[in-house]
Amino acid sequence: MDISGINSLSSLMNNQMNTNNVQAVSGNSFEDMLKKSLNEVNKTQIEGYKAMEGIATGTVPNLQEAVQKIEEADLSLKLALEVKNKAVMGFKEIMKMQV
């Protein structure tokens, strides 16, 4: 019985898996992605607070843009909270698993 086809298939799969691992390591990590996302949320929050301050002091040239920035800040914070809640729920589900 000739099993050379199976051996070559196995080595091909191992090479493919090694290539995928190298690509995953060389790309952005989850930590980097999370930090970038949190920095973006923080930036929109700061812009929203500045817009609120501008509305309160009457120095805003365009009221519509200021309100838009406030709404963007509110929505980005809500999205970040929902992502956090889903991550915590997923972690709790993993911790419930029996090994």
PDB file of N, CA and C in Angstrom:
ATOM      1  N   MET A   1       0.841  -1.175   0.000  1.00  0.00           N
ATOM      2  CA  MET A   1       0.000   0.000   0.000  1.00  0.00           C
ATOM      3  C   MET A   1       0.887   1.239   0.000  1.00  0.00           C
ATOM      4  N   ASP A   2       0.610   2.186  -0.897  1.00  0.00           N
ATOM      5  CA  ASP A   2       1.392   3.399  -1.030  1.00  0.00           C
ATOM      6  C   ASP A   2       0.750   4.514  -0.189  1.00  0.00           C
ATOM      7  N   ILE A   3       1.488   5.026   0.800  1.00  0.00           N
ATOM      8  CA  ILE A   3       0.969   6.102   1.645  1.00  0.00           C
ATOM      9  C   ILE A   3       1.750   7.402   1.450  1.00  0.00           C
ATOM     10  N   SER A   4       2.482   7.489   0.380  1.00  0.00           N
ATOM     11  CA  SER A   4       3.280   8.693   0.136  1.00  0.00           C
ATOM     12  C   SER A   4       2.376   9.917  -0.042  1.00  0.00           C
ATOM     13  N   GLY A   5       1.183   9.723  -0.591  1.00  0.00           N
ATOM     14  CA  GLY A   5       0.249  10.839  -0.747  1.00  0.00           C
ATOM     15  C   GLY A   5      -0.172  11.407   0.591  1.00  0.00           C
ATOM     16  N   ILE A   6      -0.378  10.545   1.561  1.00  0.00           N
ATOM     17  CA  ILE A   6      -0.769  10.992   2.891  1.00  0.00           C
ATOM     18  C   ILE A   6       0.381  11.736   3.558  1.00  0.00           C
ATOM     19  N   ASN A   7       1.600  11.234   3.413  1.00  0.00           N
ATOM     20  CA  ASN A   7       2.755  11.906   4.011  1.00  0.00           C
ATOM     21  C   ASN A   7       2.960  13.292   3.420  1.00  0.00           C
ATOM     22  N   SER A   8       2.817  13.422   2.114  1.00  0.00           N
ATOM     23  CA  SER A   8       3.007  14.735   1.491  1.00  0.00           C
ATOM     24  C   SER A   8       1.889  15.686   1.904  1.00  0.00           C
ATOM     25  N   LEU A   9       0.690  15.170   2.066  1.00  0.00           N
ATOM     26  CA  LEU A   9      -0.424  15.994   2.518  1.00  0.00           C
ATOM     27  C   LEU A   9      -0.187  16.478   3.940  1.00  0.00           C
ATOM     28  N   SER A  10       0.337  15.588   4.791  1.00  0.00           N
ATOM     29  CA  SER A  10       0.630  15.963   6.173  1.00  0.00           C
ATOM     30  C   SER A  10       1.689  17.047   6.241  1.00  0.00           C
ATOM     31  N   SER A  11       2.759  16.912   5.448  1.00  0.00           N
ATOM     32  CA  SER A  11       3.807  17.929   5.462  1.00  0.00           C
ATOM     33  C   SER A  11       3.292  19.247   4.894  1.00  0.00           C
ATOM     34  N   LEU A  12       2.418  19.192   3.900  1.00  0.00           N
ATOM     35  CA  LEU A  12       1.829  20.399   3.336  1.00  0.00           C
ATOM     36  C   LEU A  12       0.977  21.122   4.378  1.00  0.00           C
ATOM     37  N   MET A  13       0.199  20.358   5.141  1.00  0.00           N
ATOM     38  CA  MET A  13      -0.635  20.962   6.177  1.00  0.00           C
ATOM     39  C   MET A  13       0.218  21.577   7.280  1.00  0.00           C
ATOM     40  N   ASN A  14       1.305  20.912   7.663  1.00  0.00           N
ATOM     41  CA  ASN A  14       2.192  21.460   8.686  1.00  0.00           C
ATOM     42  C   ASN A  14       2.828  22.767   8.221  1.00  0.00           C
ATOM     43  N   ASN A  15       3.254  22.812   6.967  1.00  0.00           N
ATOM     44  CA  ASN A  15       3.841  24.039   6.419  1.00  0.00           C
ATOM     45  C   ASN A  15       2.812  25.168   6.416  1.00  0.00           C
ATOM     46  N   GLN A  16       1.578  24.848   6.043  1.00  0.00           N
ATOM     47  CA  GLN A  16       0.516  25.850   6.003  1.00  0.00           C
ATOM     48  C   GLN A  16       0.224  26.377   7.407  1.00  0.00           C
ATOM     49  N   MET A  17       0.183  25.495   8.403  1.00  0.00           N
ATOM     50  CA  MET A  17      -0.090  25.912   9.773  1.00  0.00           C
ATOM     51  C   MET A  17       1.041  26.783  10.302  1.00  0.00           C
ATOM     52  N   ASN A  18       2.283  26.457   9.985  1.00  0.00           N
ATOM     53  CA  ASN A  18       3.408  27.274  10.420  1.00  0.00           C
ATOM     54  C   ASN A  18       3.367  28.653   9.785  1.00  0.00           C
ATOM     55  N   THR A  19       2.986  28.740   8.526  1.00  0.00           N
ATOM     56  CA  THR A  19       2.873  30.015   7.835  1.00  0.00           C
ATOM     57  C   THR A  19       1.784  30.860   8.467  1.00  0.00           C
ATOM     58  N   ASN A  20       0.645  30.265   8.804  1.00  0.00           N
ATOM     59  CA  ASN A  20      -0.441  31.008   9.436  1.00  0.00           C
ATOM     60  C   ASN A  20      -0.025  31.531  10.798  1.00  0.00           C
ATOM     61  N   ASN A  21       0.719  30.743  11.569  1.00  0.00           N
ATOM     62  CA  ASN A  21       1.163  31.194  12.885  1.00  0.00           C
ATOM     63  C   ASN A  21       2.107  32.373  12.773  1.00  0.00           C
ATOM     64  N   VAL A  22       2.998  32.361  11.795  1.00  0.00           N
ATOM     65  CA  VAL A  22       3.931  33.469  11.602  1.00  0.00           C
ATOM     66  C   VAL A  22       3.166  34.727  11.230  1.00  0.00           C
ATOM     67  N   GLN A  23       2.154  34.607  10.371  1.00  0.00           N
ATOM     68  CA  GLN A  23       1.370  35.760   9.975  1.00  0.00           C
ATOM     69  C   GLN A  23       0.605  36.329  11.155  1.00  0.00           C
ATOM     70  N   ALA A  24       0.073  35.477  12.011  1.00  0.00           N
ATOM     71  CA  ALA A  24      -0.680  35.948  13.171  1.00  0.00           C
ATOM     72  C   ALA A  24       0.225  36.677  14.148  1.00  0.00           C
ATOM     73  N   VAL A  25       1.448  36.184  14.325  1.00  0.00           N
ATOM     74  CA  VAL A  25       2.372  36.814  15.261  1.00  0.00           C
ATOM     75  C   VAL A  25       2.859  38.153  14.717  1.00  0.00           C
ATOM     76  N   SER A  26       3.098  38.244  13.422  1.00  0.00           N
ATOM     77  CA  SER A  26       3.635  39.469  12.850  1.00  0.00           C
ATOM     78  C   SER A  26       2.585  40.570  12.730  1.00  0.00           C
ATOM     79  N   GLY A  27       1.303  40.228  12.773  1.00  0.00           N
ATOM     80  CA  GLY A  27       0.244  41.221  12.667  1.00  0.00           C
ATOM     81  C   GLY A  27       0.021  41.937  13.984  1.00  0.00           C
ATOM     82  N   ASN A  28      -0.981  42.813  13.989  1.00  0.00           N
ATOM     83  CA  ASN A  28      -1.317  43.521  15.219  1.00  0.00           C
ATOM     84  C   ASN A  28      -1.891  42.550  16.226  1.00  0.00           C
ATOM     85  N   SER A  29      -1.517  42.728  17.468  1.00  0.00           N
ATOM     86  CA  SER A  29      -2.036  41.864  18.514  1.00  0.00           C
ATOM     87  C   SER A  29      -3.385  42.386  18.995  1.00  0.00           C
ATOM     88  N   PHE A  30      -4.076  41.556  19.739  1.00  0.00           N
ATOM     89  CA  PHE A  30      -5.362  41.958  20.301  1.00  0.00           C
ATOM     90  C   PHE A  30      -5.170  43.134  21.255  1.00  0.00           C
ATOM     91  N   GLU A  31      -4.069  43.115  21.985  1.00  0.00           N
ATOM     92  CA  GLU A  31      -3.778  44.202  22.926  1.00  0.00           C
ATOM     93  C   GLU A  31      -3.634  45.531  22.184  1.00  0.00           C
ATOM     94  N   ASP A  32      -2.916  45.516  21.061  1.00  0.00           N
ATOM     95  CA  ASP A  32      -2.739  46.742  20.278  1.00  0.00           C
ATOM     96  C   ASP A  32      -4.074  47.240  19.737  1.00  0.00           C
ATOM     97  N   MET A  33      -4.878  46.315  19.254  1.00  0.00           N
ATOM     98  CA  MET A  33      -6.187  46.686  18.720  1.00  0.00           C
ATOM     99  C   MET A  33      -7.073  47.279  19.816  1.00  0.00           C
ATOM    100  N   LEU A  34      -7.035  46.684  21.002  1.00  0.00           N
ATOM    101  CA  LEU A  34      -7.831  47.165  22.119  1.00  0.00           C
ATOM    102  C   LEU A  34      -7.382  48.551  22.564  1.00  0.00           C
ATOM    103  N   LYS A  35      -6.067  48.758  22.650  1.00  0.00           N
ATOM    104  CA  LYS A  35      -5.542  50.067  23.035  1.00  0.00           C
ATOM    105  C   LYS A  35      -5.937  51.134  22.024  1.00  0.00           C
ATOM    106  N   LYS A  36      -5.852  50.792  20.750  1.00  0.00           N
ATOM    107  CA  LYS A  36      -6.203  51.752  19.702  1.00  0.00           C
ATOM    108  C   LYS A  36      -7.679  52.128  19.793  1.00  0.00           C
ATOM    109  N   SER A  37      -8.528  51.127  20.012  1.00  0.00           N
ATOM    110  CA  SER A  37      -9.958  51.386  20.122  1.00  0.00           C
ATOM    111  C   SER A  37     -10.277  52.252  21.338  1.00  0.00           C
ATOM    112  N   LEU A  38      -9.642  51.964  22.468  1.00  0.00           N
ATOM    113  CA  LEU A  38      -9.877  52.770  23.667  1.00  0.00           C
ATOM    114  C   LEU A  38      -9.379  54.197  23.488  1.00  0.00           C
ATOM    115  N   ASN A  39      -8.283  54.364  22.793  1.00  0.00           N
ATOM    116  CA  ASN A  39      -7.781  55.722  22.516  1.00  0.00           C
ATOM    117  C   ASN A  39      -8.752  56.490  21.630  1.00  0.00           C
ATOM    118  N   GLU A  40      -9.369  55.813  20.666  1.00  0.00           N
ATOM    119  CA  GLU A  40     -10.351  56.466  19.808  1.00  0.00           C
ATOM    120  C   GLU A  40     -11.586  56.884  20.602  1.00  0.00           C
ATOM    121  N   VAL A  41     -12.048  56.007  21.502  1.00  0.00           N
ATOM    122  CA  VAL A  41     -13.195  56.344  22.353  1.00  0.00           C
ATOM    123  C   VAL A  41     -12.838  57.530  23.233  1.00  0.00           C
ATOM    124  N   ASN A  42     -11.650  57.519  23.805  1.00  0.00           N
ATOM    125  CA  ASN A  42     -11.212  58.629  24.650  1.00  0.00           C
ATOM    126  C   ASN A  42     -11.168  59.934  23.864  1.00  0.00           C
ATOM    127  N   LYS A  43     -10.674  59.860  22.637  1.00  0.00           N
ATOM    128  CA  LYS A  43     -10.583  61.060  21.794  1.00  0.00           C
ATOM    129  C   LYS A  43     -11.979  61.630  21.501  1.00  0.00           C
ATOM    130  N   THR A  44     -12.930  60.750  21.192  1.00  0.00           N
ATOM    131  CA  THR A  44     -14.281  61.237  20.920  1.00  0.00           C
ATOM    132  C   THR A  44     -14.930  61.802  22.184  1.00  0.00           C
ATOM    133  N   GLN A  45     -14.618  61.224  23.350  1.00  0.00           N
ATOM    134  CA  GLN A  45     -15.138  61.761  24.605  1.00  0.00           C
ATOM    135  C   GLN A  45     -14.598  63.167  24.862  1.00  0.00           C
ATOM    136  N   ILE A  46     -13.309  63.360  24.622  1.00  0.00           N
ATOM    137  CA  ILE A  46     -12.702  64.679  24.826  1.00  0.00           C
ATOM    138  C   ILE A  46     -13.328  65.698  23.876  1.00  0.00           C
ATOM    139  N   GLU A  47     -13.519  65.306  22.607  1.00  0.00           N
ATOM    140  CA  GLU A  47     -14.148  66.211  21.643  1.00  0.00           C
ATOM    141  C   GLU A  47     -15.576  66.540  22.065  1.00  0.00           C
ATOM    142  N   GLY A  48     -16.287  65.544  22.601  1.00  0.00           N
ATOM    143  CA  GLY A  48     -17.653  65.778  23.073  1.00  0.00           C
ATOM    144  C   GLY A  48     -17.697  66.750  24.233  1.00  0.00           C
ATOM    145  N   TYR A  49     -16.754  66.598  25.179  1.00  0.00           N
ATOM    146  CA  TYR A  49     -16.709  67.519  26.318  1.00  0.00           C
ATOM    147  C   TYR A  49     -16.363  68.930  25.873  1.00  0.00           C
ATOM    148  N   LYS A  50     -15.443  69.054  24.908  1.00  0.00           N
ATOM    149  CA  LYS A  50     -15.100  70.372  24.383  1.00  0.00           C
ATOM    150  C   LYS A  50     -16.306  71.004  23.694  1.00  0.00           C
ATOM    151  N   ALA A  51     -17.080  70.189  22.970  1.00  0.00           N
ATOM    152  CA  ALA A  51     -18.271  70.704  22.300  1.00  0.00           C
ATOM    153  C   ALA A  51     -19.306  71.156  23.327  1.00  0.00           C
ATOM    154  N   MET A  52     -19.464  70.385  24.421  1.00  0.00           N
ATOM    155  CA  MET A  52     -20.401  70.801  25.481  1.00  0.00           C
ATOM    156  C   MET A  52     -19.958  72.114  26.114  1.00  0.00           C
ATOM    157  N   GLU A  53     -18.662  72.242  26.330  1.00  0.00           N
ATOM    158  CA  GLU A  53     -18.127  73.476  26.905  1.00  0.00           C
ATOM    159  C   GLU A  53     -18.373  74.648  25.963  1.00  0.00           C
ATOM    160  N   GLY A  54     -18.184  74.400  24.669  1.00  0.00           N
ATOM    161  CA  GLY A  54     -18.429  75.448  23.688  1.00  0.00           C
ATOM    162  C   GLY A  54     -19.880  75.878  23.635  1.00  0.00           C
ATOM    163  N   ILE A  55     -20.785  74.919  23.772  1.00  0.00           N
ATOM    164  CA  ILE A  55     -22.215  75.255  23.784  1.00  0.00           C
ATOM    165  C   ILE A  55     -22.537  76.067  25.038  1.00  0.00           C
ATOM    166  N   ALA A  56     -21.982  75.640  26.182  1.00  0.00           N
ATOM    167  CA  ALA A  56     -22.270  76.326  27.443  1.00  0.00           C
ATOM    168  C   ALA A  56     -21.732  77.755  27.449  1.00  0.00           C
ATOM    169  N   THR A  57     -20.581  77.958  26.837  1.00  0.00           N
ATOM    170  CA  THR A  57     -19.994  79.302  26.826  1.00  0.00           C
ATOM    171  C   THR A  57     -20.455  80.137  25.641  1.00  0.00           C
ATOM    172  N   GLY A  58     -21.094  79.510  24.666  1.00  0.00           N
ATOM    173  CA  GLY A  58     -21.590  80.239  23.501  1.00  0.00           C
ATOM    174  C   GLY A  58     -20.525  80.534  22.470  1.00  0.00           C
ATOM    175  N   THR A  59     -19.432  79.791  22.488  1.00  0.00           N
ATOM    176  CA  THR A  59     -18.346  80.047  21.533  1.00  0.00           C
ATOM    177  C   THR A  59     -18.359  79.098  20.342  1.00  0.00           C
ATOM    178  N   VAL A  60     -19.402  78.302  20.206  1.00  0.00           N
ATOM    179  CA  VAL A  60     -19.472  77.335  19.109  1.00  0.00           C
ATOM    180  C   VAL A  60     -19.989  78.030  17.850  1.00  0.00           C
ATOM    181  N   PRO A  61     -19.218  77.966  16.749  1.00  0.00           N
ATOM    182  CA  PRO A  61     -19.694  78.604  15.518  1.00  0.00           C
ATOM    183  C   PRO A  61     -20.829  77.829  14.854  1.00  0.00           C
ATOM    184  N   ASN A  62     -20.839  76.511  15.001  1.00  0.00           N
ATOM    185  CA  ASN A  62     -21.870  75.690  14.365  1.00  0.00           C
ATOM    186  C   ASN A  62     -22.449  74.751  15.425  1.00  0.00           C
ATOM    187  N   LEU A  63     -23.662  75.027  15.841  1.00  0.00           N
ATOM    188  CA  LEU A  63     -24.311  74.254  16.890  1.00  0.00           C
ATOM    189  C   LEU A  63     -24.565  72.810  16.465  1.00  0.00           C
ATOM    190  N   GLN A  64     -24.896  72.613  15.204  1.00  0.00           N
ATOM    191  CA  GLN A  64     -25.184  71.265  14.705  1.00  0.00           C
ATOM    192  C   GLN A  64     -23.958  70.351  14.809  1.00  0.00           C
ATOM    193  N   GLU A  65     -22.784  70.858  14.464  1.00  0.00           N
ATOM    194  CA  GLU A  65     -21.563  70.060  14.567  1.00  0.00           C
ATOM    195  C   GLU A  65     -21.238  69.725  16.017  1.00  0.00           C
ATOM    196  N   ALA A  66     -21.479  70.677  16.917  1.00  0.00           N
ATOM    197  CA  ALA A  66     -21.216  70.433  18.336  1.00  0.00           C
ATOM    198  C   ALA A  66     -22.128  69.335  18.869  1.00  0.00           C
ATOM    199  N   VAL A  67     -23.391  69.392  18.518  1.00  0.00           N
ATOM    200  CA  VAL A  67     -24.334  68.360  18.962  1.00  0.00           C
ATOM    201  C   VAL A  67     -23.964  67.012  18.349  1.00  0.00           C
ATOM    202  N   GLN A  68     -23.510  67.020  17.106  1.00  0.00           N
ATOM    203  CA  GLN A  68     -23.083  65.781  16.451  1.00  0.00           C
ATOM    204  C   GLN A  68     -21.899  65.162  17.181  1.00  0.00           C
ATOM    205  N   LYS A  69     -20.939  65.972  17.600  1.00  0.00           N
ATOM    206  CA  LYS A  69     -19.781  65.463  18.335  1.00  0.00           C
ATOM    207  C   LYS A  69     -20.198  64.879  19.679  1.00  0.00           C
ATOM    208  N   ILE A  70     -21.151  65.515  20.327  1.00  0.00           N
ATOM    209  CA  ILE A  70     -21.645  65.000  21.614  1.00  0.00           C
ATOM    210  C   ILE A  70     -22.320  63.652  21.411  1.00  0.00           C
ATOM    211  N   GLU A  71     -23.116  63.528  20.372  1.00  0.00           N
ATOM    212  CA  GLU A  71     -23.795  62.263  20.083  1.00  0.00           C
ATOM    213  C   GLU A  71     -22.800  61.166  19.704  1.00  0.00           C
ATOM    214  N   GLU A  72     -21.772  61.516  18.944  1.00  0.00           N
ATOM    215  CA  GLU A  72     -20.740  60.535  18.595  1.00  0.00           C
ATOM    216  C   GLU A  72     -20.029  60.028  19.842  1.00  0.00           C
ATOM    217  N   ALA A  73     -19.753  60.936  20.754  1.00  0.00           N
ATOM    218  CA  ALA A  73     -19.097  60.544  22.005  1.00  0.00           C
ATOM    219  C   ALA A  73     -20.000  59.614  22.807  1.00  0.00           C
ATOM    220  N   ASP A  74     -21.274  59.926  22.858  1.00  0.00           N
ATOM    221  CA  ASP A  74     -22.223  59.089  23.591  1.00  0.00           C
ATOM    222  C   ASP A  74     -22.328  57.697  22.975  1.00  0.00           C
ATOM    223  N   LEU A  75     -22.441  57.640  21.663  1.00  0.00           N
ATOM    224  CA  LEU A  75     -22.556  56.343  20.984  1.00  0.00           C
ATOM    225  C   LEU A  75     -21.282  55.522  21.087  1.00  0.00           C
ATOM    226  N   SER A  76     -20.119  56.172  20.995  1.00  0.00           N
ATOM    227  CA  SER A  76     -18.867  55.420  21.094  1.00  0.00           C
ATOM    228  C   SER A  76     -18.687  54.842  22.495  1.00  0.00           C
ATOM    229  N   LEU A  77     -19.108  55.589  23.515  1.00  0.00           N
ATOM    230  CA  LEU A  77     -19.018  55.078  24.882  1.00  0.00           C
ATOM    231  C   LEU A  77     -19.982  53.913  25.086  1.00  0.00           C
ATOM    232  N   LYS A  78     -21.183  54.024  24.553  1.00  0.00           N
ATOM    233  CA  LYS A  78     -22.154  52.920  24.663  1.00  0.00           C
ATOM    234  C   LYS A  78     -21.639  51.670  23.955  1.00  0.00           C
ATOM    235  N   LEU A  79     -21.040  51.849  22.787  1.00  0.00           N
ATOM    236  CA  LEU A  79     -20.483  50.712  22.058  1.00  0.00           C
ATOM    237  C   LEU A  79     -19.356  50.062  22.840  1.00  0.00           C
ATOM    238  N   ALA A  80     -18.468  50.866  23.408  1.00  0.00           N
ATOM    239  CA  ALA A  80     -17.357  50.329  24.197  1.00  0.00           C
ATOM    240  C   ALA A  80     -17.874  49.556  25.405  1.00  0.00           C
ATOM    241  N   LEU A  81     -18.919  50.063  26.050  1.00  0.00           N
ATOM    242  CA  LEU A  81     -19.497  49.365  27.199  1.00  0.00           C
ATOM    243  C   LEU A  81     -20.126  48.039  26.795  1.00  0.00           C
ATOM    244  N   GLU A  82     -20.788  48.015  25.655  1.00  0.00           N
ATOM    245  CA  GLU A  82     -21.391  46.765  25.190  1.00  0.00           C
ATOM    246  C   GLU A  82     -20.330  45.734  24.826  1.00  0.00           C
ATOM    247  N   VAL A  83     -19.255  46.178  24.201  1.00  0.00           N
ATOM    248  CA  VAL A  83     -18.158  45.262  23.863  1.00  0.00           C
ATOM    249  C   VAL A  83     -17.549  44.701  25.141  1.00  0.00           C
ATOM    250  N   LYS A  84     -17.371  45.564  26.144  1.00  0.00           N
ATOM    251  CA  LYS A  84     -16.836  45.112  27.430  1.00  0.00           C
ATOM    252  C   LYS A  84     -17.771  44.096  28.069  1.00  0.00           C
ATOM    253  N   ASN A  85     -19.066  44.371  28.052  1.00  0.00           N
ATOM    254  CA  ASN A  85     -20.036  43.448  28.646  1.00  0.00           C
ATOM    255  C   ASN A  85     -20.022  42.092  27.944  1.00  0.00           C
ATOM    256  N   LYS A  86     -19.936  42.099  26.626  1.00  0.00           N
ATOM    257  CA  LYS A  86     -19.877  40.837  25.880  1.00  0.00           C
ATOM    258  C   LYS A  86     -18.605  40.070  26.186  1.00  0.00           C
ATOM    259  N   ALA A  87     -17.491  40.782  26.321  1.00  0.00           N
ATOM    260  CA  ALA A  87     -16.228  40.120  26.648  1.00  0.00           C
ATOM    261  C   ALA A  87     -16.283  39.501  28.037  1.00  0.00           C
ATOM    262  N   VAL A  88     -16.868  40.204  28.990  1.00  0.00           N
ATOM    263  CA  VAL A  88     -16.994  39.671  30.349  1.00  0.00           C
ATOM    264  C   VAL A  88     -17.917  38.459  30.358  1.00  0.00           C
ATOM    265  N   MET A  89     -19.014  38.531  29.612  1.00  0.00           N
ATOM    266  CA  MET A  89     -19.922  37.376  29.530  1.00  0.00           C
ATOM    267  C   MET A  89     -19.213  36.180  28.918  1.00  0.00           C
ATOM    268  N   GLY A  90     -18.441  36.401  27.868  1.00  0.00           N
ATOM    269  CA  GLY A  90     -17.693  35.309  27.245  1.00  0.00           C
ATOM    270  C   GLY A  90     -16.675  34.710  28.194  1.00  0.00           C
ATOM    271  N   PHE A  91     -15.995  35.562  28.955  1.00  0.00           N
ATOM    272  CA  PHE A  91     -15.021  35.079  29.924  1.00  0.00           C
ATOM    273  C   PHE A  91     -15.702  34.237  30.997  1.00  0.00           C
ATOM    274  N   LYS A  92     -16.864  34.696  31.465  1.00  0.00           N
ATOM    275  CA  LYS A  92     -17.596  33.939  32.484  1.00  0.00           C
ATOM    276  C   LYS A  92     -18.041  32.583  31.944  1.00  0.00           C
ATOM    277  N   GLU A  93     -18.451  32.538  30.677  1.00  0.00           N
ATOM    278  CA  GLU A  93     -18.849  31.266  30.071  1.00  0.00           C
ATOM    279  C   GLU A  93     -17.663  30.314  29.982  1.00  0.00           C
ATOM    280  N   ILE A  94     -16.514  30.843  29.626  1.00  0.00           N
ATOM    281  CA  ILE A  94     -15.306  30.013  29.552  1.00  0.00           C
ATOM    282  C   ILE A  94     -14.948  29.483  30.932  1.00  0.00           C
ATOM    283  N   MET A  95     -15.083  30.324  31.947  1.00  0.00           N
ATOM    284  CA  MET A  95     -14.741  29.889  33.296  1.00  0.00           C
ATOM    285  C   MET A  95     -15.705  28.812  33.822  1.00  0.00           C
ATOM    286  N   LYS A  96     -16.932  28.771  33.297  1.00  0.00           N
ATOM    287  CA  LYS A  96     -17.894  27.750  33.702  1.00  0.00           C
ATOM    288  C   LYS A  96     -17.589  26.391  33.095  1.00  0.00           C
ATOM    289  N   MET A  97     -16.804  26.375  32.011  1.00  0.00           N
ATOM    290  CA  MET A  97     -16.509  25.117  31.327  1.00  0.00           C
ATOM    291  C   MET A  97     -15.706  24.179  32.220  1.00  0.00           C
ATOM    292  N   GLN A  98     -16.039  22.921  32.126  1.00  0.00           N
ATOM    293  CA  GLN A  98     -15.272  21.922  32.857  1.00  0.00           C
ATOM    294  C   GLN A  98     -14.212  21.353  31.941  1.00  0.00           C
ATOM    295  N   VAL A  99     -13.020  21.225  32.467  1.00  0.00           N
ATOM    296  CA  VAL A  99     -11.910  20.724  31.662  1.00  0.00           C
ATOM    297  C   VAL A  99     -11.657  19.271  31.961  1.00  0.00           C
TER     298      VAL A  99
END
